[in-house]
Protein backbone atom coordinates (compact mmCIF):
# COMPACT_ATOMS: atom_id res chain seq x y z
CA MET A 1 228.19 260.63 145.95
CA ARG A 2 227.59 256.94 146.87
CA ASP A 3 224.78 258.35 149.44
CA GLY A 4 222.85 259.81 146.39
CA SER A 5 222.91 263.70 147.41
CA ASP A 6 222.13 265.71 144.59
CA HIS A 7 225.66 267.49 144.14
CA GLY A 8 223.44 270.50 142.34
CA HIS A 9 221.85 268.41 140.07
CA ARG A 10 218.43 270.14 141.39
CA SER A 11 219.61 273.51 140.87
CA ASP A 12 220.80 272.83 137.38
CA LEU A 13 217.50 270.93 136.56
CA ALA A 14 215.83 274.20 137.99
CA ALA A 15 217.42 276.39 135.71
CA LEU A 16 216.87 273.97 132.80
CA ILE A 17 213.19 274.16 133.36
CA GLU A 18 212.88 277.56 133.69
CA SER A 19 214.53 277.97 130.35
CA LEU A 20 211.69 275.86 128.51
CA THR A 21 209.11 277.22 126.11
CA PRO A 22 205.79 276.45 126.77
CA GLY A 23 205.86 274.51 123.60
CA GLN A 24 208.65 272.84 124.96
CA LEU A 25 207.19 272.21 128.37
CA ALA A 26 204.11 270.49 126.32
CA THR A 27 206.61 268.13 124.38
CA PRO A 28 206.10 264.05 125.15
CA SER A 29 208.97 263.19 127.43
CA LEU A 30 210.80 259.91 127.25
CA CYS A 31 208.21 258.73 130.50
CA ASP A 32 205.16 257.19 128.75
CA ALA A 33 202.18 259.73 128.72
CA TRP A 34 204.07 262.30 130.45
CA THR A 35 205.00 265.55 128.98
CA VAL A 36 208.29 267.44 129.91
CA ARG A 37 205.97 269.64 132.72
CA ASP A 38 204.57 266.69 134.26
CA VAL A 39 208.30 265.18 134.46
CA ALA A 40 209.72 268.51 136.25
CA VAL A 41 206.58 268.50 138.57
CA HIS A 42 207.15 264.80 139.17
CA LEU A 43 210.66 265.91 140.30
CA THR A 44 209.34 267.62 143.49
CA HIS A 45 207.11 264.88 144.64
CA SER A 46 210.04 263.09 146.37
CA HIS A 47 209.43 265.58 149.18
CA THR A 48 205.95 264.02 149.52
CA SER A 49 205.45 263.46 153.26
CA PRO A 50 205.62 259.80 154.16
CA ALA A 51 201.59 260.15 155.34
CA ARG A 52 200.40 261.43 152.20
CA ALA A 53 202.49 259.00 150.21
CA VAL A 54 200.55 256.15 152.35
CA VAL A 55 197.16 258.11 151.74
CA ALA A 56 198.04 257.98 147.79
CA ALA A 57 198.99 254.45 147.77
CA CYS A 58 196.00 253.33 149.19
CA ARG A 59 193.98 255.44 146.51
CA TYR A 60 195.59 253.75 143.67
CA GLY A 61 195.32 250.11 145.37
CA PHE A 62 199.42 250.11 145.56
CA ARG A 63 199.65 250.22 141.85
CA PHE A 64 202.84 252.46 142.25
CA ASN A 65 203.54 253.15 138.75
CA THR A 66 200.04 254.15 138.11
CA MET A 67 200.11 256.45 141.47
CA ILE A 68 203.64 258.01 140.47
CA ARG A 69 202.08 258.84 137.00
CA GLU A 70 198.60 259.98 137.98
CA LEU A 71 200.09 262.30 140.67
CA ALA A 72 202.06 264.29 138.47
CA VAL A 73 199.62 264.39 135.46
CA ARG A 74 197.05 265.53 138.10
CA ASP A 75 199.24 268.20 139.89
CA ARG A 76 198.78 271.52 138.48
CA THR A 77 201.65 272.83 139.62
CA SER A 78 203.49 275.34 136.84
CA ALA A 79 206.81 274.59 135.58
CA ALA A 80 208.18 278.30 137.18
CA ASP A 81 206.91 276.97 140.70
CA ALA A 82 208.49 273.42 140.04
CA ALA A 83 211.72 274.94 139.62
CA ILE A 84 211.23 277.00 142.69
CA LYS A 85 210.57 273.65 144.62
CA LEU A 86 213.51 271.74 143.20
CA ARG A 87 215.76 274.84 144.59
CA ALA A 88 214.65 274.46 147.79
CA MET A 89 215.16 270.91 147.85
CA VAL A 90 219.00 271.14 146.95
CA GLY A 91 221.33 269.27 149.28
CA SER A 92 218.25 267.50 151.11
CA ARG A 93 219.06 263.64 151.65
CA ARG A 94 214.96 263.17 152.04
CA HIS A 95 213.82 260.55 149.46
CA PRO A 96 210.43 258.95 148.87
CA ILE A 97 209.08 256.31 151.36
CA GLY A 98 210.22 252.89 150.10
CA THR A 99 213.29 254.40 147.90
CA THR A 100 217.03 254.32 149.24
CA PRO A 101 219.13 257.16 149.70
CA MET A 102 220.20 256.73 145.75
CA ALA A 103 216.73 257.79 144.73
CA PRO A 104 217.37 261.54 144.61
CA LEU A 105 220.44 261.30 142.51
CA LEU A 106 219.00 258.92 140.33
CA ASP A 107 215.95 260.72 139.41
CA SER A 108 218.20 263.92 138.97
CA LEU A 109 219.81 261.86 136.32
CA LEU A 110 217.24 259.99 134.60
CA HIS A 111 214.70 262.68 134.54
CA GLY A 112 217.00 264.98 133.31
CA GLN A 113 217.38 262.99 130.02
CA ASP A 114 213.79 262.28 129.91
CA ILE A 115 213.34 266.16 129.87
CA THR A 116 216.33 266.92 127.51
CA VAL A 117 216.65 263.80 124.83
CA PRO A 118 212.99 264.52 123.16
CA LEU A 119 214.06 268.28 122.71
CA THR A 120 217.29 267.20 121.58
CA ILE A 121 218.98 269.02 124.57
CA ASP A 122 222.70 267.44 125.24
CA ARG A 123 222.66 266.89 128.85
CA ALA A 124 225.78 265.56 130.16
CA MET A 125 226.04 263.25 132.93
CA PRO A 126 228.80 263.64 135.47
CA PRO A 127 230.80 260.50 135.32
CA ASP A 128 231.12 259.60 139.09
CA ALA A 129 227.81 260.59 139.60
CA ALA A 130 226.43 258.32 136.28
CA THR A 131 228.48 255.51 137.75
CA ALA A 132 227.21 255.39 141.23
CA CYS A 133 223.83 255.48 139.37
CA ALA A 134 224.79 252.57 137.13
CA ASP A 135 226.56 250.41 139.85
CA TYR A 136 222.91 250.83 141.85
CA LEU A 137 220.67 249.97 138.99
CA TRP A 138 222.77 246.97 138.05
CA SER A 139 222.90 245.96 141.67
CA THR A 140 219.06 246.60 142.68
CA GLY A 141 216.18 244.62 141.50
CA PHE A 142 212.46 246.46 141.25
CA PRO A 143 211.75 248.33 139.66
CA PHE A 144 214.08 248.18 136.93
CA HIS A 145 215.65 244.65 137.05
CA ALA A 146 218.95 245.46 135.19
CA ARG A 147 220.97 242.92 135.88
CA ARG A 148 217.89 240.19 135.07
CA ARG A 149 216.96 242.08 131.81
CA HIS A 150 220.63 242.39 130.16
CA GLY A 151 222.00 238.90 131.61
CA GLY A 152 224.52 237.56 129.27
CA ARG A 153 226.25 241.02 128.46
CA ARG A 154 229.23 242.66 129.81
CA PHE A 155 229.14 246.30 129.95
CA VAL A 156 231.88 248.39 130.06
CA ALA A 157 232.01 252.08 130.23
CA THR A 158 234.03 253.81 127.87
CA ASP A 159 234.41 257.27 129.93
CA SER A 160 234.47 256.16 133.32
CA ASP A 161 235.40 253.13 135.45
CA PHE A 162 232.48 250.98 135.36
CA ALA A 163 232.46 247.13 133.93
CA VAL A 164 229.51 244.66 134.94
CA GLY A 165 228.30 241.64 133.95
CA THR A 166 229.46 238.42 131.93
CA GLY A 167 228.99 237.38 128.24
CA ASP A 168 229.26 239.65 124.96
CA VAL A 169 230.98 243.10 125.84
CA VAL A 170 229.07 245.87 125.39
CA GLU A 171 231.41 249.35 125.46
CA ALA A 172 229.13 252.68 125.52
CA PRO A 173 229.56 255.89 127.57
CA ILE A 174 228.50 255.69 130.91
CA ARG A 175 225.22 257.84 129.99
CA ASP A 176 223.79 255.53 127.67
CA ILE A 177 224.47 252.47 130.28
CA VAL A 178 222.68 254.55 132.71
CA MET A 179 219.92 255.11 130.19
CA LEU A 180 219.59 251.52 129.24
CA PHE A 181 219.79 250.25 132.92
CA GLY A 182 217.10 252.66 133.92
CA GLY A 183 214.66 251.46 131.22
CA ARG A 184 215.22 254.23 128.61
CA THR A 185 216.09 251.41 125.80
CA SER A 186 215.10 253.78 122.88
CA ALA A 187 217.68 256.73 123.87
CA ALA A 188 220.26 254.29 125.15
CA GLY A 189 222.28 255.12 122.03
CA ALA A 190 223.17 251.98 119.81
CA LEU A 191 224.17 249.54 122.60
CA ALA A 192 225.15 246.25 120.56
CA PRO A 193 227.66 243.63 121.53
CA SER A 194 231.14 244.56 120.60
CA THR A 195 232.98 242.30 117.94
């Protein structure tokens, strides 16, 4: 699990995407200015070739957040075709240029929530996978900077063997911790320090 392999998360996401109605696909996701469909399409971009990624980076002046957002919004792939592409990616260790092998797993878990939370669909995060992602998010800087943003707090998962940081203790399910570390503050539950 620590190598970032998706272990079927992509096939689960594909089935979820196929089950959504046009109205659900058009719903704003947790990702700013993206619909649920945009997130689904973005998930297929992790197999973009390095050459195409470099061309896109140049086109957008190496403003990577802008590039990622625009590529998803401008990609006219249907949700059904995105699901097919996701299934074809199951088991692949390929990841976007400039990222680590953890990227596919992290994308599956975080973007799965970006899709389901606004639709009030409860999507569980397997504890082992979520713990691996929380460890990665805490120990890595760009683009999330979790350790810097949440300094002075100790995070303890209530449903997995995870604890990091020093300071005021925050106890929460590992899913909420991953969401908080991944920048989804509004969807991360009530992560107030324990008294």
